[in-house]
Structures are given as structure tokens and as C-alpha cells.
Amino acid sequence: MSSTLGVSRPDQASYMLRAAAGDAGRAYKQQMLDLLDVQAGQTVLDVGCGPGTDLPALAERVGDSGTVIGVDRDPAMLAQARERTNGLHWVEIREGDVHVLPVEPSTVDRAKIDRVLMHVAEPADALTQLHRATRPGARIGLAEPDWDTLIVDAEDLETSRAFTRYTTAEVVRHATIGRSLARLAELADFHVETVLATTPVFRDFQEADHTLGLGRNMQKAIDEGHIDRDRGHRWFASLSRGPFYASFTLVSVICSR
């Protein structure tokens, strides 16, 4: 059912592709690829590959002498990933869960998990699985948002703060995992080499509504009694009139095995 406020929830594949195509998405993804230093002939693992957004770029870097393995548990995502990598015979698409990776131990040279750990049941277990799959000397890239840092400019500052609190407490399973990435990586016996924080900025209201769920999550907050209906509707209406600003912090960690 469509929400009363804002755009209805997009299907997950469309959401991921649109987020990756934005300026902020392209910038941090390119940065991660550069820091991973993927080489020709290597085996690269993309955990939670979704519709295969990053698989062609990884395939280009390893070349046909290497292997790229995309893992996801959603058959619909995997179908799109297969379509996106059609003709790239060195790309393998495997159905599997992040907690039980379908990868032989110590076979992966490079690996990435991008905006996946905030959704999984046990992030620490997922990183343990990743440690098992990677070879000594492997490099690993992790990227997750910290939704406690979500700020939305509005004259009604208290409602903006209430919206962020609701997002953190109710909408995202591990909403503050971005700040915990380096610690979790070290607890999984990885060596943390680089920690970066970037701030995706939204000046377009429609783009922010799609990506940040401003309307649909405000409607949920109202329906669940977290925010007063009239106040929530006034807040959302004021955002749509602009000028608009919102941002959050995305943390990227590069570590080695």
C-alpha cells in the first residue's frame, strides 16, 4: 500500500541502483574500489551484491584471468545480477546468506560488504564468515551509514530530531553500525588500515524523499504514535516547498586479513 506522505517504498533493486547512481554513491564506491587495489587475476567477493551494481567494475579490474563472486540471498536480485553480468564468464553469481557464505575457506583476495551489515541478523558473525573466506594478506572494504547522524533542515527542528530518532530506533535494524565498523572489524581479527567518513548531501527534495524515506517513514512514525499527525504533515509539507537540505554520515573501512 502506498504511504499517505511521500513516495511509496521502491522495490529494493531499484532503490539500490538509484542510490548507487547518485553523486554521493558514485564517489564513495569509486573510493572503495581504488583503496581495495583489485589486481588482475585475483578472486574478489561481493557480499550482498544485490542487483549486481558493482560487479561489472570489479570484473573489469580482475580481467578474464580472475574471478568475481557475487553473493546474495534474494533470487530476484540474483536474476538481475546475472543479467547485468551476462557475457562476463569470470563472474559467478551464488545464492547464499552472509552468515553462511557459499565460498571455500581462504580463497578470496579482495572482498567488500556495502550497506549490508545494517540489515543482517548478526553483523559480527558475518565478519567472522568473511575472515574465514579470505586469504592471509587479503584486503576487505566495508561501508555502512550511521543513521544517528541523519539531519534534515526544517524550521521545526524538534520534529526533524524526532524523525531521526524514529529512523534509528524503528526503521533500520543496526542503524548506528557505521560508527562500529572499525571495532567490529578488529574483533573479527582484521587489521584496520583506513577509516573514512563521507557526508552525502541532498539538496533535491524528491531525491531525498526517495532515498531517505522522508514521507513513508514519517507516515509510519505517525501511524505508530511516535510523532503527532498534524505536526508530521506540516513538517513534510514544509520540506517539499524548499529550499532543502539533508545529509548523513557514511563510514568506510579498509582492512586486511
Protein backbone atom coordinates (compact mmCIF):
# COMPACT_ATOMS: atom_id res chain seq x y z
CA MET A 1 0.00 0.00 0.00
CA SER A 2 1.31 3.47 -0.85
CA SER A 3 2.00 5.79 2.05
CA THR A 4 -0.01 8.96 2.56
CA LEU A 5 3.16 11.01 2.63
CA GLY A 6 5.90 10.99 0.02
CA VAL A 7 6.77 8.31 -2.47
CA SER A 8 5.81 4.70 -1.80
CA ARG A 9 8.60 2.31 -0.92
CA PRO A 10 10.51 1.41 -4.11
CA ASP A 11 11.47 -2.17 -4.83
CA GLN A 12 14.84 -2.93 -3.31
CA ALA A 13 16.72 -3.35 -6.59
CA SER A 14 15.53 0.00 -7.96
CA TYR A 15 16.40 1.65 -4.67
CA MET A 16 19.94 0.26 -4.66
CA LEU A 17 20.59 1.15 -8.29
CA ARG A 18 19.31 4.71 -7.88
CA ALA A 19 21.31 5.27 -4.69
CA ALA A 20 24.48 3.99 -6.37
CA ALA A 21 23.94 6.22 -9.40
CA GLY A 22 23.81 9.46 -7.40
CA ASP A 23 26.86 11.68 -6.97
CA ALA A 24 27.47 10.54 -3.38
CA GLY A 25 27.01 6.87 -4.28
CA ARG A 26 29.44 7.02 -7.18
CA ALA A 27 32.06 8.88 -5.16
CA TYR A 28 32.38 6.53 -2.18
CA LYS A 29 32.11 3.41 -4.35
CA GLN A 30 34.94 4.62 -6.57
CA GLN A 31 36.99 5.45 -3.48
CA MET A 32 36.45 1.98 -2.06
CA LEU A 33 37.43 0.28 -5.33
CA ASP A 34 40.61 2.33 -5.50
CA LEU A 35 41.57 1.53 -1.90
CA LEU A 36 40.84 -2.18 -2.36
CA ASP A 37 43.53 -2.16 -5.06
CA VAL A 38 41.97 -5.01 -7.02
CA GLN A 39 44.51 -6.67 -9.33
CA ALA A 40 44.19 -8.73 -12.49
CA GLY A 41 43.83 -12.43 -11.81
CA GLN A 42 42.51 -12.07 -8.26
CA THR A 43 39.38 -13.59 -6.73
CA VAL A 44 37.01 -10.87 -5.50
CA LEU A 45 33.92 -11.42 -3.36
CA ASP A 46 30.95 -9.01 -3.27
CA VAL A 47 28.82 -9.97 -0.26
CA GLY A 48 25.22 -8.85 -0.63
CA CYS A 49 25.78 -7.95 -4.27
CA GLY A 50 22.11 -7.11 -4.82
CA PRO A 51 21.28 -6.49 -8.49
CA GLY A 52 24.98 -6.59 -9.37
CA THR A 53 25.59 -2.85 -9.23
CA ASP A 54 29.34 -3.19 -8.65
CA LEU A 55 30.07 -6.49 -10.35
CA PRO A 56 30.99 -5.13 -13.82
CA ALA A 57 33.51 -2.69 -12.31
CA LEU A 58 35.09 -5.48 -10.26
CA ALA A 59 35.13 -7.77 -13.32
CA GLU A 60 36.92 -5.10 -15.34
CA ARG A 61 39.66 -4.89 -12.73
CA VAL A 62 40.32 -8.63 -12.32
CA GLY A 63 40.06 -9.33 -16.06
CA ASP A 64 39.23 -12.70 -17.56
CA SER A 65 42.11 -14.30 -15.66
CA GLY A 66 40.40 -13.52 -12.35
CA THR A 67 37.10 -14.38 -10.68
CA VAL A 68 34.36 -12.21 -9.25
CA ILE A 69 31.84 -13.88 -6.93
CA GLY A 70 28.57 -12.11 -6.18
CA VAL A 71 26.56 -13.49 -3.26
CA ASP A 72 23.01 -12.58 -2.31
CA ARG A 73 20.10 -14.43 -0.74
CA ASP A 74 17.35 -12.79 -2.82
CA PRO A 75 16.58 -14.72 -6.04
CA ALA A 76 15.16 -11.60 -7.70
CA MET A 77 18.38 -9.70 -7.00
CA LEU A 78 20.45 -12.59 -8.30
CA ALA A 79 18.44 -12.69 -11.52
CA GLN A 80 19.24 -9.04 -12.16
CA ALA A 81 22.89 -9.58 -11.26
CA ARG A 82 23.10 -12.42 -13.78
CA GLU A 83 21.53 -10.23 -16.44
CA ARG A 84 23.91 -7.36 -15.66
CA THR A 85 26.97 -9.63 -15.98
CA ASN A 86 25.78 -11.64 -18.96
CA GLY A 87 28.80 -12.41 -21.13
CA LEU A 88 31.31 -11.96 -18.31
CA HIS A 89 32.19 -15.64 -17.90
CA TRP A 90 34.54 -14.93 -14.99
CA VAL A 91 31.69 -13.59 -12.84
CA GLU A 92 29.93 -16.17 -10.67
CA ILE A 93 26.57 -15.44 -9.06
CA ARG A 94 25.81 -17.55 -5.99
CA GLU A 95 22.74 -17.68 -3.79
CA GLY A 96 23.68 -17.65 -0.13
CA ASP A 97 23.40 -15.95 3.22
CA VAL A 98 26.02 -13.64 4.67
CA HIS A 99 26.07 -15.80 7.80
CA VAL A 100 26.96 -18.94 5.80
CA LEU A 101 28.93 -17.75 2.80
CA PRO A 102 29.00 -20.21 -0.13
CA VAL A 103 32.75 -19.76 -0.54
CA GLU A 104 35.63 -22.11 0.22
CA PRO A 105 37.90 -21.05 3.11
CA SER A 106 40.94 -18.89 2.34
CA THR A 107 40.16 -18.47 -1.36
CA VAL A 108 39.35 -14.74 -1.65
CA ASP A 109 41.91 -11.98 -2.35
CA ARG A 110 39.58 -8.98 -2.11
CA ALA A 111 36.11 -8.62 -0.59
CA LYS A 112 33.54 -5.93 0.01
CA ILE A 113 30.34 -5.51 2.02
CA ASP A 114 28.49 -2.34 1.13
CA ARG A 115 25.44 -1.19 3.14
CA VAL A 116 24.52 -4.76 4.04
CA LEU A 117 25.58 -5.22 7.66
CA MET A 118 22.98 -2.72 8.88
CA HIS A 119 20.29 -5.19 7.78
CA VAL A 120 21.68 -8.61 8.77
CA ALA A 121 20.85 -10.51 11.94
CA GLU A 122 24.39 -10.75 13.32
CA PRO A 123 26.99 -8.39 11.80
CA ALA A 124 29.81 -9.85 13.90
CA ASP A 125 29.05 -13.36 12.62
CA ALA A 126 29.02 -12.06 9.04
CA LEU A 127 32.51 -10.61 9.50
CA THR A 128 33.70 -13.90 11.00
CA GLN A 129 32.45 -15.63 7.85
CA LEU A 130 34.31 -13.09 5.75
CA HIS A 131 37.51 -13.73 7.69
CA ARG A 132 37.10 -17.44 7.01
CA ALA A 133 36.67 -16.87 3.26
CA THR A 134 39.65 -14.56 2.75
CA ARG A 135 43.30 -15.45 2.34
CA PRO A 136 46.08 -14.10 4.56
CA GLY A 137 47.01 -10.71 3.09
CA ALA A 138 43.56 -10.13 1.59
CA ARG A 139 42.04 -6.64 1.59
CA ILE A 140 38.45 -6.02 2.65
CA GLY A 141 36.22 -2.98 2.18
CA LEU A 142 33.24 -2.22 4.43
CA ALA A 143 30.80 0.68 4.11
CA GLU A 144 27.79 1.47 6.30
CA PRO A 145 25.79 4.59 7.24
CA ASP A 146 25.31 5.90 10.74
CA TRP A 147 21.67 6.98 10.79
CA ASP A 148 22.06 8.80 14.10
CA THR A 149 23.81 11.45 12.01
CA LEU A 150 20.82 12.00 9.71
CA ILE A 151 19.95 15.69 9.72
CA VAL A 152 17.04 17.30 7.88
CA ASP A 153 16.84 21.09 7.85
CA ALA A 154 13.43 22.42 8.89
CA GLU A 155 12.08 25.29 10.93
CA ASP A 156 10.53 22.64 13.20
CA LEU A 157 13.84 21.29 14.47
CA GLU A 158 12.26 19.09 17.13
CA THR A 159 10.26 17.15 14.53
CA SER A 160 13.41 16.67 12.44
CA ARG A 161 15.10 15.28 15.53
CA ALA A 162 12.12 13.04 16.26
CA PHE A 163 12.27 11.75 12.68
CA THR A 164 15.94 10.84 13.08
CA ARG A 165 15.25 9.13 16.42
CA TYR A 166 12.45 7.12 14.84
CA THR A 167 14.65 6.12 11.89
CA THR A 168 17.39 4.96 14.24
CA ALA A 169 15.15 3.16 16.73
CA GLU A 170 12.50 1.63 14.50
CA VAL A 171 13.34 1.66 10.79
CA VAL A 172 16.89 0.27 10.46
CA ARG A 173 17.97 -2.89 12.28
CA HIS A 174 21.53 -1.78 13.09
CA ALA A 175 21.16 1.93 12.47
CA THR A 176 24.45 3.07 14.03
CA ILE A 177 26.71 0.33 12.70
CA GLY A 178 28.75 2.81 10.67
CA ARG A 179 30.50 4.07 13.80
CA SER A 180 31.13 0.47 14.93
CA LEU A 181 32.69 -0.85 11.72
CA ALA A 182 36.33 -0.44 12.71
CA ARG A 183 35.77 -2.00 16.13
CA LEU A 184 33.82 -4.93 14.68
CA ALA A 185 36.48 -5.49 12.03
CA GLU A 186 39.22 -5.66 14.66
CA LEU A 187 37.14 -8.03 16.80
CA ALA A 188 36.86 -10.28 13.72
CA ASP A 189 40.69 -10.35 13.62
CA PHE A 190 41.11 -8.00 10.67
CA HIS A 191 43.76 -5.27 10.68
CA VAL A 192 42.12 -1.88 10.12
CA GLU A 193 44.17 0.25 7.72
CA THR A 194 41.90 3.14 6.76
CA VAL A 195 38.72 4.67 8.20
CA LEU A 196 36.93 7.33 6.18
CA ALA A 197 33.77 9.30 6.79
CA THR A 198 31.89 10.91 3.91
CA THR A 199 28.74 13.02 4.05
CA PRO A 200 26.22 12.51 1.26
CA VAL A 201 24.33 15.80 0.86
CA PHE A 202 20.83 16.09 -0.57
CA ARG A 203 19.60 19.42 -1.93
CA ASP A 204 16.81 17.96 -4.07
CA PHE A 205 13.71 17.15 -2.05
CA GLN A 206 12.38 14.45 -4.39
CA GLU A 207 15.70 12.60 -4.42
CA ALA A 208 15.91 12.77 -0.63
CA ASP A 209 12.33 11.56 -0.24
CA HIS A 210 13.14 8.53 -2.40
CA THR A 211 16.49 7.71 -0.80
CA LEU A 212 15.89 8.68 2.83
CA GLY A 213 12.23 7.70 3.04
CA LEU A 214 11.17 11.07 4.42
CA GLY A 215 7.48 10.69 3.66
CA ARG A 216 6.99 6.97 4.04
CA ASN A 217 8.91 6.79 7.33
CA MET A 218 7.19 9.88 8.71
CA GLN A 219 3.85 8.24 7.89
CA LYS A 220 4.95 5.12 9.79
CA ALA A 221 6.07 7.24 12.74
CA ILE A 222 2.65 8.91 12.79
CA ASP A 223 0.78 5.61 12.44
CA GLU A 224 2.76 4.09 15.32
CA GLY A 225 2.21 7.09 17.59
CA HIS A 226 5.76 8.40 17.67
CA ILE A 227 5.00 11.76 16.05
CA ASP A 228 1.81 13.84 16.12
CA ARG A 229 -0.07 13.61 12.82
CA ASP A 230 -0.60 17.33 12.20
CA ARG A 231 2.94 18.18 13.19
CA GLY A 232 4.36 15.44 10.94
CA HIS A 233 2.29 16.56 7.96
CA ARG A 234 3.29 20.20 8.44
CA TRP A 235 6.95 19.18 8.67
CA PHE A 236 6.79 17.18 5.45
CA ALA A 237 4.89 19.91 3.61
CA SER A 238 7.49 22.49 4.65
CA LEU A 239 10.30 20.32 3.27
CA SER A 240 8.61 19.99 -0.11
CA ARG A 241 8.44 23.77 -0.51
CA GLY A 242 12.22 24.13 -0.24
CA PRO A 243 14.99 25.22 -0.21
CA PHE A 244 16.02 21.77 1.01
CA TYR A 245 19.00 20.25 2.83
CA ALA A 246 19.61 16.83 4.37
CA SER A 247 22.71 14.74 5.00
CA PHE A 248 24.09 11.77 6.92
CA THR A 249 27.49 10.19 7.57
CA LEU A 250 28.71 7.12 5.70
CA VAL A 251 31.69 5.30 7.19
CA SER A 252 34.08 3.25 5.03
CA VAL A 253 36.71 0.92 6.48
CA ILE A 254 39.51 -0.75 4.58
CA CYS A 255 41.16 -3.60 6.42
CA SER A 256 43.44 -6.54 5.74
CA ARG A 257 43.45 -10.19 6.74
